[in-house]
């Protein structure tokens, strides 16, 4: 039997905490399983395709690259110590996370604003959507150099490319969410004298939260990929830039390490977004205030 919970009774926060704890446990288990599968698949593919040990590095080799003071030959350049390797890799990771965060926030904020504009002002959708689809149809690899020329080859240019990766998938998802609001609820707002803005705040936004958080989960790894692509084109900062430098220098242990770090961080951030989604939807989503 489903019971409606009156506002202020405290049941919704409890449901939110319970949902968050359940999702945290599921996310932790998912991350653990994903890491095990990833490591096994990594090792198996190296074996199946008979990749040369000089180029292909195993998970154990990445561990030696970062932590072994005297690794076997070919794991790490002789001039690079384990401490220096960790410092370079973590510094690159930090730079990419900053770039990706700026791009993610800018992309999501723009997507939400544009989606609201689509819902409140239909002519705006007819004017903007063809432009958005045209930009989306251009490969990012081809567009990125032009964006870097326009916005510069600093953090701004990198963040813009990350934001574009986030913007279009999030925009489509959020528009669908805002448009999926209950017609009966919208009619009720209109009957009681409410306008489009009130309907947006009280009906459309809560209905769109599942789509919004789905966009967040998808966009977090996308922002990292976009930031790395821009860094690859810009120079030698961030994981993309360091990856380019390592590849040019033949430091394949470093290349595999950067790739492994990017995948690990993407999986962890995806899991964190899943936990936050569960808590927020339990408190503010379409079914908030309901207990079974």
C-alpha atoms as a PDB file:
ATOM      1  CA  UNK A   1       0.000   0.000   0.000  1.00  0.00           C
ATOM      2  CA  UNK A   2       1.347   3.437  -0.903  1.00  0.00           C
ATOM      3  CA  UNK A   3       1.012   6.173   1.710  1.00  0.00           C
ATOM      4  CA  UNK A   4       1.347   9.863   1.036  1.00  0.00           C
ATOM      5  CA  UNK A   5       3.589  11.593   3.548  1.00  0.00           C
ATOM      6  CA  UNK A   6       2.653  15.077   4.618  1.00  0.00           C
ATOM      7  CA  UNK A   7       5.341  17.758   4.266  1.00  0.00           C
ATOM      8  CA  UNK A   8       7.348  18.331   7.398  1.00  0.00           C
ATOM      9  CA  UNK A   9       6.861  14.859   8.897  1.00  0.00           C
ATOM     10  CA  UNK A  10      10.525  13.921   8.332  1.00  0.00           C
ATOM     11  CA  UNK A  11       9.735  10.777   6.349  1.00  0.00           C
ATOM     12  CA  UNK A  12      11.166  12.155   3.102  1.00  0.00           C
ATOM     13  CA  UNK A  13      14.626  12.840   4.548  1.00  0.00           C
ATOM     14  CA  UNK A  14      14.643   9.310   5.982  1.00  0.00           C
ATOM     15  CA  UNK A  15      13.699   7.914   2.596  1.00  0.00           C
ATOM     16  CA  UNK A  16      16.397  10.056   1.023  1.00  0.00           C
ATOM     17  CA  UNK A  17      19.045   8.756   3.412  1.00  0.00           C
ATOM     18  CA  UNK A  18      17.935   5.154   2.905  1.00  0.00           C
ATOM     19  CA  UNK A  19      17.973   5.523  -0.865  1.00  0.00           C
ATOM     20  CA  UNK A  20      21.423   7.110  -0.722  1.00  0.00           C
ATOM     21  CA  UNK A  21      22.787   4.308   1.471  1.00  0.00           C
ATOM     22  CA  UNK A  22      21.354   1.630  -0.786  1.00  0.00           C
ATOM     23  CA  UNK A  23      22.686   3.310  -3.885  1.00  0.00           C
ATOM     24  CA  UNK A  24      26.072   3.830  -2.223  1.00  0.00           C
ATOM     25  CA  UNK A  25      26.336   0.106  -1.516  1.00  0.00           C
ATOM     26  CA  UNK A  26      25.263  -0.757  -5.049  1.00  0.00           C
ATOM     27  CA  UNK A  27      27.660   1.815  -6.523  1.00  0.00           C
ATOM     28  CA  UNK A  28      30.574   0.540  -4.429  1.00  0.00           C
ATOM     29  CA  UNK A  29      29.879  -3.024  -5.518  1.00  0.00           C
ATOM     30  CA  UNK A  30      29.544  -1.917  -9.144  1.00  0.00           C
ATOM     31  CA  UNK A  31      32.846  -0.032  -9.022  1.00  0.00           C
ATOM     32  CA  UNK A  32      34.600  -3.024  -7.475  1.00  0.00           C
ATOM     33  CA  UNK A  33      33.229  -5.407 -10.097  1.00  0.00           C
ATOM     34  CA  UNK A  34      34.026  -2.943 -12.889  1.00  0.00           C
ATOM     35  CA  UNK A  35      37.640  -2.690 -11.753  1.00  0.00           C
ATOM     36  CA  UNK A  36      38.037  -6.474 -11.597  1.00  0.00           C
ATOM     37  CA  UNK A  37      36.488  -6.937 -15.046  1.00  0.00           C
ATOM     38  CA  UNK A  38      38.539  -4.077 -16.470  1.00  0.00           C
ATOM     39  CA  UNK A  39      41.820  -5.447 -15.159  1.00  0.00           C
ATOM     40  CA  UNK A  40      41.021  -8.968 -16.388  1.00  0.00           C
ATOM     41  CA  UNK A  41      39.938  -7.710 -19.817  1.00  0.00           C
ATOM     42  CA  UNK A  42      43.038  -5.527 -20.061  1.00  0.00           C
ATOM     43  CA  UNK A  43      45.334  -8.470 -19.384  1.00  0.00           C
ATOM     44  CA  UNK A  44      43.425 -10.861 -21.656  1.00  0.00           C
ATOM     45  CA  UNK A  45      43.408  -8.467 -24.623  1.00  0.00           C
ATOM     46  CA  UNK A  46      47.159  -7.955 -24.361  1.00  0.00           C
ATOM     47  CA  UNK A  47      47.564 -11.730 -24.470  1.00  0.00           C
ATOM     48  CA  UNK A  48      45.006 -12.391 -27.241  1.00  0.00           C
ATOM     49  CA  UNK A  49      46.476  -9.774 -29.594  1.00  0.00           C
ATOM     50  CA  UNK A  50      50.031 -10.682 -28.637  1.00  0.00           C
ATOM     51  CA  UNK A  51      50.977  -7.054 -27.981  1.00  0.00           C
ATOM     52  CA  UNK A  52      54.693  -6.446 -27.638  1.00  0.00           C
ATOM     53  CA  UNK A  53      55.726  -5.898 -23.986  1.00  0.00           C
ATOM     54  CA  UNK A  54      57.618  -2.814 -25.152  1.00  0.00           C
ATOM     55  CA  UNK A  55      54.349  -1.138 -26.190  1.00  0.00           C
ATOM     56  CA  UNK A  56      51.636  -2.935 -24.238  1.00  0.00           C
ATOM     57  CA  UNK A  57      51.807  -2.598 -20.460  1.00  0.00           C
ATOM     58  CA  UNK A  58      49.843  -4.749 -18.055  1.00  0.00           C
ATOM     59  CA  UNK A  59      48.106  -3.577 -14.869  1.00  0.00           C
ATOM     60  CA  UNK A  60      51.094  -4.866 -12.923  1.00  0.00           C
ATOM     61  CA  UNK A  61      53.409  -2.791 -15.124  1.00  0.00           C
ATOM     62  CA  UNK A  62      51.395   0.342 -14.337  1.00  0.00           C
ATOM     63  CA  UNK A  63      51.748  -0.433 -10.640  1.00  0.00           C
ATOM     64  CA  UNK A  64      55.511  -0.816 -11.071  1.00  0.00           C
ATOM     65  CA  UNK A  65      55.634   2.430 -13.071  1.00  0.00           C
ATOM     66  CA  UNK A  66      54.141   4.350 -10.168  1.00  0.00           C
ATOM     67  CA  UNK A  67      55.556   2.595  -7.114  1.00  0.00           C
ATOM     68  CA  UNK A  68      58.591   0.432  -7.932  1.00  0.00           C
ATOM     69  CA  UNK A  69      61.914   2.184  -7.312  1.00  0.00           C
ATOM     70  CA  UNK A  70      63.734  -0.360  -9.498  1.00  0.00           C
ATOM     71  CA  UNK A  71      61.282  -1.582 -12.142  1.00  0.00           C
ATOM     72  CA  UNK A  72      62.277  -3.958 -14.954  1.00  0.00           C
ATOM     73  CA  UNK A  73      63.738  -2.369 -18.044  1.00  0.00           C
ATOM     74  CA  UNK A  74      61.179  -0.744 -20.321  1.00  0.00           C
ATOM     75  CA  UNK A  75      58.623  -0.022 -17.615  1.00  0.00           C
ATOM     76  CA  UNK A  76      59.765   3.526 -16.900  1.00  0.00           C
ATOM     77  CA  UNK A  77      62.515   5.789 -18.297  1.00  0.00           C
ATOM     78  CA  UNK A  78      65.719   5.484 -16.278  1.00  0.00           C
ATOM     79  CA  UNK A  79      65.752   9.237 -15.664  1.00  0.00           C
ATOM     80  CA  UNK A  80      62.303   9.136 -14.050  1.00  0.00           C
ATOM     81  CA  UNK A  81      61.923   8.015 -10.437  1.00  0.00           C
ATOM     82  CA  UNK A  82      58.765   6.467  -9.015  1.00  0.00           C
ATOM     83  CA  UNK A  83      58.120   9.602  -6.973  1.00  0.00           C
ATOM     84  CA  UNK A  84      58.502  11.818 -10.034  1.00  0.00           C
ATOM     85  CA  UNK A  85      56.225   9.532 -12.043  1.00  0.00           C
ATOM     86  CA  UNK A  86      53.527   9.760  -9.352  1.00  0.00           C
ATOM     87  CA  UNK A  87      53.929  13.521  -9.099  1.00  0.00           C
ATOM     88  CA  UNK A  88      53.622  14.035 -12.856  1.00  0.00           C
ATOM     89  CA  UNK A  89      50.635  11.708 -13.186  1.00  0.00           C
ATOM     90  CA  UNK A  90      48.706  13.126 -10.233  1.00  0.00           C
ATOM     91  CA  UNK A  91      49.455  16.718 -11.242  1.00  0.00           C
ATOM     92  CA  UNK A  92      48.143  15.967 -14.744  1.00  0.00           C
ATOM     93  CA  UNK A  93      45.071  14.346 -13.216  1.00  0.00           C
ATOM     94  CA  UNK A  94      44.437  17.400 -11.045  1.00  0.00           C
ATOM     95  CA  UNK A  95      44.707  19.766 -14.007  1.00  0.00           C
ATOM     96  CA  UNK A  96      42.311  17.684 -16.083  1.00  0.00           C
ATOM     97  CA  UNK A  97      39.798  17.453 -13.240  1.00  0.00           C
ATOM     98  CA  UNK A  98      39.798  21.250 -12.897  1.00  0.00           C
ATOM     99  CA  UNK A  99      39.354  21.715 -16.653  1.00  0.00           C
ATOM    100  CA  UNK A 100      36.646  19.047 -16.806  1.00  0.00           C
ATOM    101  CA  UNK A 101      34.805  20.495 -13.806  1.00  0.00           C
ATOM    102  CA  UNK A 102      34.680  23.970 -15.346  1.00  0.00           C
ATOM    103  CA  UNK A 103      33.472  22.511 -18.639  1.00  0.00           C
ATOM    104  CA  UNK A 104      30.939  20.263 -16.910  1.00  0.00           C
ATOM    105  CA  UNK A 105      29.415  23.092 -14.849  1.00  0.00           C
ATOM    106  CA  UNK A 106      29.319  25.464 -17.837  1.00  0.00           C
ATOM    107  CA  UNK A 107      27.855  22.817 -20.142  1.00  0.00           C
ATOM    108  CA  UNK A 108      25.161  21.696 -17.694  1.00  0.00           C
ATOM    109  CA  UNK A 109      24.197  25.273 -16.777  1.00  0.00           C
ATOM    110  CA  UNK A 110      23.899  26.201 -20.446  1.00  0.00           C
ATOM    111  CA  UNK A 111      21.908  23.053 -21.208  1.00  0.00           C
ATOM    112  CA  UNK A 112      19.448  23.763 -18.383  1.00  0.00           C
ATOM    113  CA  UNK A 113      19.035  27.415 -19.400  1.00  0.00           C
ATOM    114  CA  UNK A 114      18.524  26.588 -23.074  1.00  0.00           C
ATOM    115  CA  UNK A 115      16.109  23.732 -22.265  1.00  0.00           C
ATOM    116  CA  UNK A 116      14.016  26.066 -20.111  1.00  0.00           C
ATOM    117  CA  UNK A 117      14.048  28.585 -22.956  1.00  0.00           C
ATOM    118  CA  UNK A 118      12.773  25.868 -25.301  1.00  0.00           C
ATOM    119  CA  UNK A 119       9.863  25.095 -22.974  1.00  0.00           C
ATOM    120  CA  UNK A 120       8.887  28.677 -22.136  1.00  0.00           C
ATOM    121  CA  UNK A 121       9.478  30.229 -25.554  1.00  0.00           C
ATOM    122  CA  UNK A 122       8.710  27.878 -28.435  1.00  0.00           C
ATOM    123  CA  UNK A 123      10.104  30.221 -31.138  1.00  0.00           C
ATOM    124  CA  UNK A 124      13.439  30.034 -29.328  1.00  0.00           C
ATOM    125  CA  UNK A 125      13.506  26.262 -29.883  1.00  0.00           C
ATOM    126  CA  UNK A 126      12.744  26.612 -33.592  1.00  0.00           C
ATOM    127  CA  UNK A 127      15.557  29.167 -33.945  1.00  0.00           C
ATOM    128  CA  UNK A 128      18.219  27.464 -31.828  1.00  0.00           C
ATOM    129  CA  UNK A 129      17.719  23.721 -32.373  1.00  0.00           C
ATOM    130  CA  UNK A 130      18.861  23.661 -36.041  1.00  0.00           C
ATOM    131  CA  UNK A 131      22.030  25.505 -35.028  1.00  0.00           C
ATOM    132  CA  UNK A 132      22.599  23.068 -32.172  1.00  0.00           C
ATOM    133  CA  UNK A 133      22.110  20.062 -34.445  1.00  0.00           C
ATOM    134  CA  UNK A 134      24.464  21.552 -37.044  1.00  0.00           C
ATOM    135  CA  UNK A 135      27.172  22.053 -34.437  1.00  0.00           C
ATOM    136  CA  UNK A 136      26.551  18.557 -33.092  1.00  0.00           C
ATOM    137  CA  UNK A 137      26.994  17.035 -36.545  1.00  0.00           C
ATOM    138  CA  UNK A 138      30.517  18.455 -36.879  1.00  0.00           C
ATOM    139  CA  UNK A 139      33.092  16.047 -35.395  1.00  0.00           C
ATOM    140  CA  UNK A 140      34.607  17.501 -32.244  1.00  0.00           C
ATOM    141  CA  UNK A 141      38.109  16.609 -33.433  1.00  0.00           C
ATOM    142  CA  UNK A 142      37.584  18.879 -36.443  1.00  0.00           C
ATOM    143  CA  UNK A 143      35.930  21.658 -34.438  1.00  0.00           C
ATOM    144  CA  UNK A 144      38.338  21.663 -31.468  1.00  0.00           C
ATOM    145  CA  UNK A 145      41.262  23.412 -33.227  1.00  0.00           C
ATOM    146  CA  UNK A 146      38.937  26.229 -34.325  1.00  0.00           C
ATOM    147  CA  UNK A 147      37.558  26.606 -30.802  1.00  0.00           C
ATOM    148  CA  UNK A 148      41.086  26.792 -29.420  1.00  0.00           C
ATOM    149  CA  UNK A 149      41.904  29.549 -31.916  1.00  0.00           C
ATOM    150  CA  UNK A 150      38.815  31.487 -30.827  1.00  0.00           C
ATOM    151  CA  UNK A 151      38.990  31.003 -27.056  1.00  0.00           C
ATOM    152  CA  UNK A 152      42.751  30.587 -26.707  1.00  0.00           C
ATOM    153  CA  UNK A 153      44.904  27.624 -25.798  1.00  0.00           C
ATOM    154  CA  UNK A 154      44.544  28.123 -22.055  1.00  0.00           C
ATOM    155  CA  UNK A 155      42.038  26.829 -19.500  1.00  0.00           C
ATOM    156  CA  UNK A 156      39.202  28.748 -21.184  1.00  0.00           C
ATOM    157  CA  UNK A 157      39.619  26.947 -24.508  1.00  0.00           C
ATOM    158  CA  UNK A 158      39.929  23.561 -22.800  1.00  0.00           C
ATOM    159  CA  UNK A 159      36.824  24.231 -20.687  1.00  0.00           C
ATOM    160  CA  UNK A 160      34.806  25.305 -23.744  1.00  0.00           C
ATOM    161  CA  UNK A 161      35.530  22.023 -25.519  1.00  0.00           C
ATOM    162  CA  UNK A 162      34.607  20.037 -22.391  1.00  0.00           C
ATOM    163  CA  UNK A 163      31.405  22.098 -22.095  1.00  0.00           C
ATOM    164  CA  UNK A 164      30.413  21.327 -25.685  1.00  0.00           C
ATOM    165  CA  UNK A 165      30.821  17.599 -25.048  1.00  0.00           C
ATOM    166  CA  UNK A 166      28.463  17.984 -22.074  1.00  0.00           C
ATOM    167  CA  UNK A 167      25.999  20.425 -23.627  1.00  0.00           C
ATOM    168  CA  UNK A 168      24.232  18.588 -26.426  1.00  0.00           C
ATOM    169  CA  UNK A 169      23.435  15.203 -24.784  1.00  0.00           C
ATOM    170  CA  UNK A 170      22.332  17.024 -21.631  1.00  0.00           C
ATOM    171  CA  UNK A 171      20.193  19.482 -23.610  1.00  0.00           C
ATOM    172  CA  UNK A 172      18.243  16.752 -25.404  1.00  0.00           C
ATOM    173  CA  UNK A 173      17.705  14.786 -22.186  1.00  0.00           C
ATOM    174  CA  UNK A 174      16.570  17.792 -20.158  1.00  0.00           C
ATOM    175  CA  UNK A 175      14.178  18.988 -22.870  1.00  0.00           C
ATOM    176  CA  UNK A 176      12.583  15.541 -22.889  1.00  0.00           C
ATOM    177  CA  UNK A 177      12.289  15.660 -19.100  1.00  0.00           C
ATOM    178  CA  UNK A 178      10.699  19.107 -19.033  1.00  0.00           C
ATOM    179  CA  UNK A 179       8.267  18.063 -21.753  1.00  0.00           C
ATOM    180  CA  UNK A 180       7.244  14.869 -19.922  1.00  0.00           C
ATOM    181  CA  UNK A 181       5.405  16.657 -17.123  1.00  0.00           C
ATOM    182  CA  UNK A 182       1.904  15.399 -16.346  1.00  0.00           C
ATOM    183  CA  UNK A 183      -0.690  17.220 -18.500  1.00  0.00           C
ATOM    184  CA  UNK A 184      -3.178  16.953 -15.632  1.00  0.00           C
ATOM    185  CA  UNK A 185      -0.774  18.703 -13.261  1.00  0.00           C
ATOM    186  CA  UNK A 186      -0.124  21.442 -15.813  1.00  0.00           C
ATOM    187  CA  UNK A 187      -3.876  21.892 -16.326  1.00  0.00           C
ATOM    188  CA  UNK A 188      -4.326  22.194 -12.563  1.00  0.00           C
ATOM    189  CA  UNK A 189      -1.764  24.990 -12.447  1.00  0.00           C
ATOM    190  CA  UNK A 190      -3.520  26.837 -15.265  1.00  0.00           C
ATOM    191  CA  UNK A 191      -6.987  26.400 -13.704  1.00  0.00           C
ATOM    192  CA  UNK A 192      -5.718  27.976 -10.498  1.00  0.00           C
ATOM    193  CA  UNK A 193      -4.324  30.975 -12.331  1.00  0.00           C
ATOM    194  CA  UNK A 194      -0.700  29.892 -12.497  1.00  0.00           C
ATOM    195  CA  UNK A 195       1.454  30.834 -15.445  1.00  0.00           C
ATOM    196  CA  UNK A 196       4.179  29.060 -17.376  1.00  0.00           C
ATOM    197  CA  UNK A 197       6.844  30.029 -14.831  1.00  0.00           C
ATOM    198  CA  UNK A 198       4.904  28.550 -11.915  1.00  0.00           C
ATOM    199  CA  UNK A 199       4.274  25.380 -13.901  1.00  0.00           C
ATOM    200  CA  UNK A 200       7.978  25.183 -14.641  1.00  0.00           C
ATOM    201  CA  UNK A 201       8.982  25.442 -10.972  1.00  0.00           C
ATOM    202  CA  UNK A 202       6.291  23.270  -9.421  1.00  0.00           C
ATOM    203  CA  UNK A 203       5.687  20.619 -12.110  1.00  0.00           C
ATOM    204  CA  UNK A 204       8.187  20.567 -14.958  1.00  0.00           C
ATOM    205  CA  UNK A 205      11.448  20.770 -13.002  1.00  0.00           C
ATOM    206  CA  UNK A 206      10.576  17.980 -10.520  1.00  0.00           C
ATOM    207  CA  UNK A 207       9.439  15.807 -13.438  1.00  0.00           C
ATOM    208  CA  UNK A 208      12.692  16.500 -15.282  1.00  0.00           C
ATOM    209  CA  UNK A 209      15.002  15.597 -12.383  1.00  0.00           C
ATOM    210  CA  UNK A 210      15.449  11.919 -13.435  1.00  0.00           C
ATOM    211  CA  UNK A 211      16.455  13.070 -16.922  1.00  0.00           C
ATOM    212  CA  UNK A 212      18.692  15.779 -15.464  1.00  0.00           C
ATOM    213  CA  UNK A 213      20.605  13.335 -13.290  1.00  0.00           C
ATOM    214  CA  UNK A 214      20.840  10.843 -16.134  1.00  0.00           C
ATOM    215  CA  UNK A 215      22.495  13.661 -18.088  1.00  0.00           C
ATOM    216  CA  UNK A 216      24.877  14.270 -15.190  1.00  0.00           C
ATOM    217  CA  UNK A 217      25.939  10.617 -15.104  1.00  0.00           C
ATOM    218  CA  UNK A 218      26.553  10.585 -18.846  1.00  0.00           C
ATOM    219  CA  UNK A 219      28.270  13.964 -18.909  1.00  0.00           C
ATOM    220  CA  UNK A 220      30.813  13.412 -16.133  1.00  0.00           C
ATOM    221  CA  UNK A 221      32.972  10.970 -18.157  1.00  0.00           C
ATOM    222  CA  UNK A 222      32.283  13.025 -21.296  1.00  0.00           C
ATOM    223  CA  UNK A 223      33.685  16.166 -19.685  1.00  0.00           C
ATOM    224  CA  UNK A 224      36.911  14.324 -18.851  1.00  0.00           C
ATOM    225  CA  UNK A 225      37.227  13.042 -22.423  1.00  0.00           C
ATOM    226  CA  UNK A 226      36.587  16.516 -23.821  1.00  0.00           C
ATOM    227  CA  UNK A 227      39.145  18.093 -21.509  1.00  0.00           C
ATOM    228  CA  UNK A 228      41.752  15.468 -22.427  1.00  0.00           C
ATOM    229  CA  UNK A 229      41.139  16.011 -26.139  1.00  0.00           C
ATOM    230  CA  UNK A 230      41.669  19.757 -25.763  1.00  0.00           C
ATOM    231  CA  UNK A 231      44.774  19.218 -23.642  1.00  0.00           C
ATOM    232  CA  UNK A 232      46.155  16.842 -26.275  1.00  0.00           C
ATOM    233  CA  UNK A 233      45.816  19.587 -28.890  1.00  0.00           C
ATOM    234  CA  UNK A 234      47.030  22.411 -26.655  1.00  0.00           C
ATOM    235  CA  UNK A 235      50.334  21.116 -25.343  1.00  0.00           C
ATOM    236  CA  UNK A 236      51.783  19.338 -22.363  1.00  0.00           C
ATOM    237  CA  UNK A 237      49.465  20.119 -19.447  1.00  0.00           C
ATOM    238  CA  UNK A 238      46.764  17.887 -18.056  1.00  0.00           C
ATOM    239  CA  UNK A 239      46.373  14.205 -18.793  1.00  0.00           C
ATOM    240  CA  UNK A 240      45.834  14.789 -22.507  1.00  0.00           C
ATOM    241  CA  UNK A 241      48.965  16.895 -22.857  1.00  0.00           C
ATOM    242  CA  UNK A 242      51.102  14.568 -20.737  1.00  0.00           C
ATOM    243  CA  UNK A 243      49.765  11.599 -22.716  1.00  0.00           C
ATOM    244  CA  UNK A 244      50.862  13.273 -25.953  1.00  0.00           C
ATOM    245  CA  UNK A 245      54.294  14.003 -24.512  1.00  0.00           C
ATOM    246  CA  UNK A 246      54.750  10.473 -23.196  1.00  0.00           C
ATOM    247  CA  UNK A 247      53.755   8.975 -26.548  1.00  0.00           C
ATOM    248  CA  UNK A 248      56.229  11.179 -28.397  1.00  0.00           C
ATOM    249  CA  UNK A 249      59.017  10.231 -25.987  1.00  0.00           C
ATOM    250  CA  UNK A 250      58.269   6.512 -26.181  1.00  0.00           C
ATOM    251  CA  UNK A 251      57.263   6.379 -22.501  1.00  0.00           C
ATOM    252  CA  UNK A 252      54.598   3.733 -22.988  1.00  0.00           C
ATOM    253  CA  UNK A 253      54.439   2.941 -19.289  1.00  0.00           C
ATOM    254  CA  UNK A 254      53.382   6.547 -18.737  1.00  0.00           C
ATOM    255  CA  UNK A 255      50.851   6.345 -21.573  1.00  0.00           C
ATOM    256  CA  UNK A 256      49.137   3.319 -20.056  1.00  0.00           C
ATOM    257  CA  UNK A 257      49.238   4.907 -16.615  1.00  0.00           C
ATOM    258  CA  UNK A 258      47.460   8.052 -17.789  1.00  0.00           C
ATOM    259  CA  UNK A 259      44.840   6.010 -19.633  1.00  0.00           C
ATOM    260  CA  UNK A 260      44.284   3.850 -16.555  1.00  0.00           C
ATOM    261  CA  UNK A 261      43.901   6.914 -14.314  1.00  0.00           C
ATOM    262  CA  UNK A 262      41.372   8.507 -16.673  1.00  0.00           C
ATOM    263  CA  UNK A 263      39.256   5.338 -16.760  1.00  0.00           C
ATOM    264  CA  UNK A 264      39.409   4.860 -12.982  1.00  0.00           C
ATOM    265  CA  UNK A 265      38.420   8.466 -12.278  1.00  0.00           C
ATOM    266  CA  UNK A 266      35.556   8.292 -14.796  1.00  0.00           C
ATOM    267  CA  UNK A 267      34.162   5.133 -13.181  1.00  0.00           C
ATOM    268  CA  UNK A 268      34.428   6.562  -9.666  1.00  0.00           C
ATOM    269  CA  UNK A 269      32.816   9.881 -10.613  1.00  0.00           C
ATOM    270  CA  UNK A 270      30.024   8.045 -12.422  1.00  0.00           C
ATOM    271  CA  UNK A 271      29.362   6.045  -9.252  1.00  0.00           C
ATOM    272  CA  UNK A 272      29.380   9.221  -7.130  1.00  0.00           C
ATOM    273  CA  UNK A 273      26.868  10.824  -9.497  1.00  0.00           C
ATOM    274  CA  UNK A 274      24.668   7.741  -9.143  1.00  0.00           C
ATOM    275  CA  UNK A 275      24.654   8.025  -5.338  1.00  0.00           C
ATOM    276  CA  UNK A 276      23.853  11.752  -5.466  1.00  0.00           C
ATOM    277  CA  UNK A 277      21.083  11.031  -7.968  1.00  0.00           C
ATOM    278  CA  UNK A 278      19.417   8.522  -5.645  1.00  0.00           C
ATOM    279  CA  UNK A 279      19.478  10.913  -2.690  1.00  0.00           C
ATOM    280  CA  UNK A 280      18.209  13.902  -4.665  1.00  0.00           C
ATOM    281  CA  UNK A 281      15.414  12.015  -6.404  1.00  0.00           C
ATOM    282  CA  UNK A 282      14.241  10.540  -3.105  1.00  0.00           C
ATOM    283  CA  UNK A 283      14.029  14.061  -1.645  1.00  0.00           C
ATOM    284  CA  UNK A 284      12.929  16.150  -4.643  1.00  0.00           C
ATOM    285  CA  UNK A 285      11.979  13.880  -7.538  1.00  0.00           C
ATOM    286  CA  UNK A 286       8.513  13.053  -8.884  1.00  0.00           C
ATOM    287  CA  UNK A 287       7.990  10.344  -6.228  1.00  0.00           C
ATOM    288  CA  UNK A 288       9.386  12.355  -3.308  1.00  0.00           C
ATOM    289  CA  UNK A 289       7.293  12.108  -0.176  1.00  0.00           C
ATOM    290  CA  UNK A 290       6.002   8.623  -0.998  1.00  0.00           C
ATOM    291  CA  UNK A 291       6.828   5.489   0.955  1.00  0.00           C
ATOM    292  CA  UNK A 292       5.830   1.945   0.265  1.00  0.00           C
END
